[in-house]
Amino acid sequence: MASGRFPGKSADVAINNWTAPSQGRPLCVNGTPWILYLLEECVDNIWEYCSVVIGLISMFCFLLSTIPQVYEAYRNGKVEEAMSFGFLVFLLSGDLTSFAGCYLTSQLPIQVVTVVFYIFTDLILISQFLYYKIKNSSSRKNPALKWVCFIWCGAGTLALLALPKLIIDNGSHLNTQSAASSKSVEITGYVCGYLASVFYLCSRFPQIHKNFQRQSTEGTSYLLFALAMMGNGTYGLSVIVVLPALKGSKQNFIVKHLAWLIGSLGVLILDCFVTAQFIMYRKNISAKTSALRHIPEVEPLLSEEEELTVL
């Protein structure tokens, strides 16, 4: 199972590149060494190579996408006014269901680590949102709030660092299940894929509504959406590029990837609306900034000569 947020193994393509097994292990004679080592895929033609490279670019874009928003929230300090909490909750829900599908379908370690990183950044964004909401709504400073956030983030970091190894070590039993049980697990993984796509699609609507209500995008980083657009666009391209290399049914391949294609391309379209909002509301931000700069200084009630006269 592959999510729109990270590329996955494509059995339809890779299985045709392996040679007959030698001592229980199949051989990849003409495959690209670094791809074989990193992703365990036997890639021996230019179409598959381009698909993997574009897929990794997609993953890299998603890895970086939330970092600018974390910095913007720290710099601005009013993230609860700019970001929709529904946007953050749906984003986290999508990554959690992607993680569930990743585990059920025994994905590669790099994919497990990647989706755990996504969950980690989601939790940072949600923690920032709640921290500034409580801080800005309180009339007095609360030193304990900062310590609670530090402890929460520290505990979450340790748990998420240990989670990938725990999942990878305990996930081997899924490969020893019966055919019927294995099929059931695979179907559950695909259901998780469709749920993740629905969550990712739903995440944009609360933020679009929030921007429309405020008539502003101030406090949100456009790089969050720009990098997500690049990630979703390159993911869809990575699936399309590999089609000429398929030896089996192209229709079956597209059907298997349909959930993540719908999620990726759907979110890409919605992010175009967010981009339009950034362009439209930029004038409001510029006008507000200009108005603040041109506020005339208050003239003194008495001139210097009048003050001397009074004295």
Protein backbone atom coordinates (compact mmCIF):
# COMPACT_ATOMS: atom_id res chain seq x y z
CA MET A 1 0.00 0.00 0.00
CA ALA A 2 1.34 3.43 -0.88
CA SER A 3 -0.07 6.67 0.31
CA GLY A 4 -0.19 9.91 -1.61
CA ARG A 5 2.31 11.14 0.97
CA PHE A 6 4.95 8.49 0.22
CA PRO A 7 5.77 6.13 -2.66
CA GLY A 8 5.37 2.40 -2.25
CA LYS A 9 6.37 -0.89 -3.78
CA SER A 10 4.61 -1.71 -7.01
CA ALA A 11 4.39 -5.47 -7.22
CA ASP A 12 2.89 -5.27 -10.72
CA VAL A 13 6.12 -3.79 -12.01
CA ALA A 14 8.81 -5.24 -9.79
CA ILE A 15 7.78 -8.89 -9.90
CA ASN A 16 8.58 -9.13 -13.60
CA ASN A 17 12.18 -7.97 -13.08
CA TRP A 18 13.29 -10.70 -10.68
CA THR A 19 15.01 -13.81 -12.02
CA ALA A 20 14.57 -17.37 -10.78
CA PRO A 21 15.40 -17.78 -7.09
CA SER A 22 18.83 -18.91 -6.04
CA GLN A 23 18.99 -20.63 -2.65
CA GLY A 24 15.56 -19.31 -1.78
CA ARG A 25 16.23 -15.71 -2.82
CA PRO A 26 15.32 -14.13 -6.16
CA LEU A 27 18.08 -12.30 -8.02
CA CYS A 28 17.97 -8.84 -9.56
CA VAL A 29 20.59 -9.01 -12.31
CA ASN A 30 20.11 -5.71 -14.16
CA GLY A 31 18.56 -3.65 -11.38
CA THR A 32 19.82 -0.29 -10.12
CA PRO A 33 21.93 -1.03 -6.98
CA TRP A 34 20.95 1.98 -4.84
CA ILE A 35 17.23 1.48 -5.50
CA LEU A 36 17.56 -2.23 -4.74
CA TYR A 37 19.28 -1.44 -1.44
CA LEU A 38 17.00 1.43 -0.37
CA LEU A 39 13.57 0.30 -1.62
CA GLU A 40 14.07 -3.43 -2.37
CA GLU A 41 12.78 -2.85 -5.90
CA CYS A 42 14.37 -4.38 -8.99
CA VAL A 43 14.39 -1.46 -11.45
CA ASP A 44 15.96 -2.27 -14.83
CA ASN A 45 14.48 0.28 -17.26
CA ILE A 46 14.28 4.05 -17.62
CA TRP A 47 10.52 4.29 -16.98
CA GLU A 48 10.70 2.55 -13.61
CA TYR A 49 13.86 4.50 -12.72
CA CYS A 50 12.13 7.83 -13.44
CA SER A 51 9.08 6.70 -11.46
CA VAL A 52 11.18 5.89 -8.38
CA VAL A 53 13.18 9.14 -8.57
CA ILE A 54 10.02 11.24 -8.98
CA GLY A 55 8.41 9.31 -6.12
CA LEU A 56 11.37 10.11 -3.85
CA ILE A 57 11.14 13.79 -4.83
CA SER A 58 7.46 13.62 -3.82
CA MET A 59 8.40 12.12 -0.46
CA PHE A 60 11.05 14.80 0.09
CA CYS A 61 8.53 17.58 -0.64
CA PHE A 62 6.10 16.17 1.91
CA LEU A 63 8.87 15.80 4.49
CA LEU A 64 9.68 19.51 4.21
CA SER A 65 6.12 20.82 3.83
CA THR A 66 5.19 21.30 7.49
CA ILE A 67 8.52 22.80 8.64
CA PRO A 68 7.81 26.33 7.25
CA GLN A 69 4.43 26.38 9.05
CA VAL A 70 6.07 25.38 12.34
CA TYR A 71 8.48 28.33 11.96
CA GLU A 72 5.68 30.72 10.91
CA ALA A 73 3.62 29.75 13.95
CA TYR A 74 6.62 30.32 16.24
CA ARG A 75 7.39 33.70 14.60
CA ASN A 76 3.81 34.96 14.46
CA GLY A 77 2.54 33.60 17.76
CA LYS A 78 -1.11 33.73 16.62
CA VAL A 79 -1.46 30.40 14.85
CA GLU A 80 -4.87 29.74 16.43
CA GLU A 81 -6.25 32.72 14.49
CA ALA A 82 -4.73 31.68 11.16
CA MET A 83 -4.97 27.88 11.08
CA SER A 84 -8.11 25.79 11.17
CA PHE A 85 -8.05 23.09 13.84
CA GLY A 86 -10.14 20.91 11.53
CA PHE A 87 -7.36 21.12 8.93
CA LEU A 88 -4.82 19.80 11.45
CA VAL A 89 -7.10 17.04 12.78
CA PHE A 90 -7.94 15.73 9.30
CA LEU A 91 -4.25 15.84 8.33
CA LEU A 92 -3.31 13.78 11.40
CA SER A 93 -6.19 11.35 10.74
CA GLY A 94 -4.97 10.83 7.18
CA ASP A 95 -1.43 10.07 8.33
CA LEU A 96 -2.65 7.70 11.05
CA THR A 97 -4.73 5.69 8.58
CA SER A 98 -1.78 5.69 6.16
CA PHE A 99 0.35 4.31 8.98
CA ALA A 100 -2.24 1.59 9.68
CA GLY A 101 -2.24 0.59 6.01
CA CYS A 102 1.55 0.69 5.99
CA TYR A 103 1.67 -1.78 8.88
CA LEU A 104 -1.06 -4.10 7.56
CA THR A 105 0.53 -4.43 4.13
CA SER A 106 4.12 -4.87 5.44
CA GLN A 107 5.64 -1.86 3.72
CA LEU A 108 9.34 -1.05 3.63
CA PRO A 109 11.19 0.40 6.68
CA ILE A 110 11.80 3.70 4.83
CA GLN A 111 8.04 4.09 4.36
CA VAL A 112 7.31 3.31 8.03
CA VAL A 113 9.91 5.87 9.17
CA THR A 114 8.55 8.45 6.72
CA VAL A 115 4.92 8.19 7.79
CA VAL A 116 5.98 8.29 11.46
CA PHE A 117 7.80 11.55 10.69
CA TYR A 118 4.59 12.91 9.15
CA ILE A 119 2.68 12.03 12.33
CA PHE A 120 5.42 13.69 14.39
CA THR A 121 5.15 16.98 12.46
CA ASP A 122 1.35 16.83 12.66
CA LEU A 123 1.57 16.54 16.45
CA ILE A 124 3.97 19.52 16.57
CA LEU A 125 1.51 21.65 14.59
CA ILE A 126 -1.40 20.61 16.83
CA SER A 127 0.69 21.21 19.98
CA GLN A 128 1.63 24.68 18.72
CA PHE A 129 -2.01 25.44 17.97
CA LEU A 130 -3.18 24.42 21.46
CA TYR A 131 -0.24 26.12 23.20
CA TYR A 132 -0.80 29.52 21.58
CA LYS A 133 -4.58 29.23 21.92
CA ILE A 134 -4.30 28.69 25.69
CA LYS A 135 -1.50 31.25 26.04
CA ASN A 136 -3.23 34.02 24.07
CA SER A 137 -6.63 33.45 25.69
CA SER A 138 -5.21 33.65 29.21
CA SER A 139 -4.94 37.05 30.88
CA ARG A 140 -1.85 36.07 32.87
CA LYS A 141 1.30 34.14 32.12
CA ASN A 142 1.37 30.46 33.09
CA PRO A 143 4.93 29.06 33.36
CA ALA A 144 3.58 25.52 33.80
CA LEU A 145 2.10 25.61 30.30
CA LYS A 146 5.52 25.78 28.67
CA TRP A 147 6.82 22.87 30.75
CA VAL A 148 3.76 20.77 29.90
CA CYS A 149 4.43 21.39 26.19
CA PHE A 150 8.12 20.48 26.55
CA ILE A 151 7.28 17.25 28.39
CA TRP A 152 4.54 16.38 25.87
CA CYS A 153 6.83 16.97 22.87
CA GLY A 154 9.69 15.06 24.52
CA ALA A 155 7.53 12.06 25.37
CA GLY A 156 5.99 12.09 21.89
CA THR A 157 9.43 12.26 20.26
CA LEU A 158 10.74 9.27 22.23
CA ALA A 159 7.62 7.23 21.49
CA LEU A 160 7.75 7.97 17.76
CA LEU A 161 11.49 7.22 17.60
CA ALA A 162 10.89 3.78 19.12
CA LEU A 163 7.73 3.05 17.10
CA PRO A 164 9.30 2.28 13.66
CA LYS A 165 11.66 -0.37 15.07
CA LEU A 166 8.86 -1.93 17.11
CA ILE A 167 6.55 -2.10 14.07
CA ILE A 168 9.28 -3.48 11.77
CA ASP A 169 10.37 -6.12 14.31
CA ASN A 170 6.81 -7.27 15.05
CA GLY A 171 5.48 -6.96 11.50
CA SER A 172 7.14 -10.13 10.19
CA HIS A 173 4.29 -12.34 11.46
CA LEU A 174 1.98 -10.78 8.85
CA ASN A 175 4.01 -12.47 6.11
CA THR A 176 3.41 -15.94 7.59
CA GLN A 177 -0.39 -15.78 7.53
CA SER A 178 -2.64 -18.01 5.45
CA ALA A 179 -3.76 -16.96 1.98
CA ALA A 180 -7.30 -16.08 3.12
CA SER A 181 -6.03 -14.10 6.11
CA SER A 182 -3.42 -12.37 3.96
CA LYS A 183 -6.10 -11.34 1.46
CA SER A 184 -8.24 -9.94 4.27
CA VAL A 185 -5.30 -7.91 5.59
CA GLU A 186 -4.58 -6.59 2.08
CA ILE A 187 -8.19 -5.47 1.65
CA THR A 188 -8.05 -3.72 5.04
CA GLY A 189 -4.88 -1.96 3.88
CA TYR A 190 -6.63 -0.68 0.77
CA VAL A 191 -9.59 0.48 2.88
CA CYS A 192 -7.12 2.46 4.99
CA GLY A 193 -5.78 3.96 1.75
CA TYR A 194 -9.23 5.18 0.73
CA LEU A 195 -9.90 6.54 4.23
CA ALA A 196 -6.57 8.40 4.16
CA SER A 197 -7.49 9.94 0.81
CA VAL A 198 -10.86 11.09 2.21
CA PHE A 199 -9.17 12.63 5.27
CA TYR A 200 -6.58 14.45 3.12
CA LEU A 201 -9.35 15.81 0.87
CA CYS A 202 -11.46 16.91 3.84
CA SER A 203 -8.50 18.66 5.48
CA ARG A 204 -8.48 21.52 2.96
CA PHE A 205 -12.12 22.58 3.31
CA PRO A 206 -11.88 23.90 6.92
CA GLN A 207 -8.76 25.92 6.03
CA ILE A 208 -10.32 27.36 2.86
CA HIS A 209 -13.39 28.34 4.92
CA LYS A 210 -11.17 29.88 7.64
CA ASN A 211 -9.28 31.99 5.08
CA PHE A 212 -12.56 33.12 3.52
CA GLN A 213 -13.99 34.12 6.90
CA ARG A 214 -10.90 36.16 7.80
CA GLN A 215 -10.39 37.47 4.26
CA SER A 216 -6.72 36.88 4.99
CA THR A 217 -4.00 34.22 4.93
CA GLU A 218 -1.78 36.01 7.42
CA GLY A 219 -0.20 33.60 9.89
CA THR A 220 -0.11 30.64 7.48
CA SER A 221 2.93 29.73 5.43
CA TYR A 222 2.32 29.33 1.71
CA LEU A 223 5.27 26.90 1.53
CA LEU A 224 3.12 24.38 3.42
CA PHE A 225 0.68 24.27 0.52
CA ALA A 226 3.24 24.86 -2.26
CA LEU A 227 5.36 21.88 -1.17
CA ALA A 228 2.21 19.77 -0.74
CA MET A 229 1.22 20.67 -4.30
CA MET A 230 4.66 19.64 -5.55
CA GLY A 231 4.46 16.41 -3.54
CA ASN A 232 1.00 15.48 -4.81
CA GLY A 233 1.83 16.44 -8.38
CA THR A 234 5.05 14.41 -8.48
CA TYR A 235 3.33 11.43 -6.81
CA GLY A 236 0.67 11.33 -9.54
CA LEU A 237 3.39 11.73 -12.16
CA SER A 238 5.40 8.83 -10.66
CA VAL A 239 2.40 6.52 -11.08
CA ILE A 240 1.71 7.64 -14.66
CA VAL A 241 5.36 7.47 -15.77
CA VAL A 242 5.66 3.78 -14.90
CA LEU A 243 2.72 2.74 -17.12
CA PRO A 244 4.84 2.09 -20.30
CA ALA A 245 6.97 -0.40 -18.32
CA LEU A 246 4.01 -2.52 -17.22
CA LYS A 247 3.88 -6.03 -18.67
CA GLY A 248 0.52 -6.84 -17.11
CA SER A 249 -2.83 -5.10 -17.14
CA LYS A 250 -2.52 -1.32 -16.96
CA GLN A 251 -6.16 -1.10 -15.90
CA ASN A 252 -5.60 -3.26 -12.82
CA PHE A 253 -2.54 -1.20 -11.91
CA ILE A 254 -4.51 2.05 -12.08
CA VAL A 255 -7.38 0.57 -10.07
CA LYS A 256 -4.96 -0.50 -7.31
CA HIS A 257 -3.52 3.02 -7.14
CA LEU A 258 -6.83 4.81 -7.68
CA ALA A 259 -7.42 5.70 -4.02
CA TRP A 260 -4.10 7.52 -3.70
CA LEU A 261 -4.38 9.12 -7.12
CA ILE A 262 -7.80 10.53 -6.19
CA GLY A 263 -6.42 11.77 -2.87
CA SER A 264 -3.29 13.33 -4.38
CA LEU A 265 -4.88 14.97 -7.41
CA GLY A 266 -7.95 16.06 -5.42
CA VAL A 267 -5.81 17.75 -2.77
CA LEU A 268 -3.71 19.30 -5.57
CA ILE A 269 -6.85 20.94 -7.02
CA LEU A 270 -7.98 22.19 -3.61
CA ASP A 271 -4.52 23.62 -2.94
CA CYS A 272 -4.93 25.63 -6.15
CA PHE A 273 -7.91 27.31 -4.46
CA VAL A 274 -5.74 28.00 -1.39
CA THR A 275 -3.11 29.51 -3.72
CA ALA A 276 -5.79 31.76 -5.22
CA GLN A 277 -6.70 32.88 -1.69
CA PHE A 278 -3.07 33.77 -0.94
CA ILE A 279 -2.98 35.89 -4.12
CA MET A 280 -6.37 37.57 -3.50
CA TYR A 281 -5.86 38.30 0.18
CA ARG A 282 -2.28 39.49 -0.22
CA LYS A 283 -3.72 42.92 -1.09
CA ASN A 284 -5.50 42.97 2.27
CA ILE A 285 -2.26 42.24 4.10
CA SER A 286 -0.40 44.89 2.08
CA ALA A 287 -3.14 47.47 2.72
CA LYS A 288 -3.12 46.69 6.45
CA THR A 289 0.68 46.99 6.64
CA SER A 290 0.63 50.23 4.64
CA ALA A 291 -2.06 51.71 6.88
CA LEU A 292 -0.01 50.93 9.99
CA ARG A 293 3.07 52.55 8.48
CA HIS A 294 1.26 55.74 7.50
CA ILE A 295 -0.55 56.42 10.76
CA PRO A 296 0.26 60.08 11.49
CA GLU A 297 2.05 60.87 14.71
CA VAL A 298 -0.10 62.56 17.32
CA GLU A 299 0.75 66.24 17.51
CA PRO A 300 1.53 67.56 20.98
CA LEU A 301 -1.27 69.52 22.62
CA LEU A 302 1.03 72.46 23.21
CA SER A 303 3.78 73.75 20.98
CA GLU A 304 7.21 74.45 22.45
CA GLU A 305 6.59 78.24 22.42
CA GLU A 306 3.24 77.83 24.21
CA GLU A 307 4.86 75.58 26.81
CA LEU A 308 7.50 78.26 27.51
CA THR A 309 4.77 80.92 27.76
CA VAL A 310 2.85 78.87 30.28
CA LEU A 311 5.97 78.32 32.32
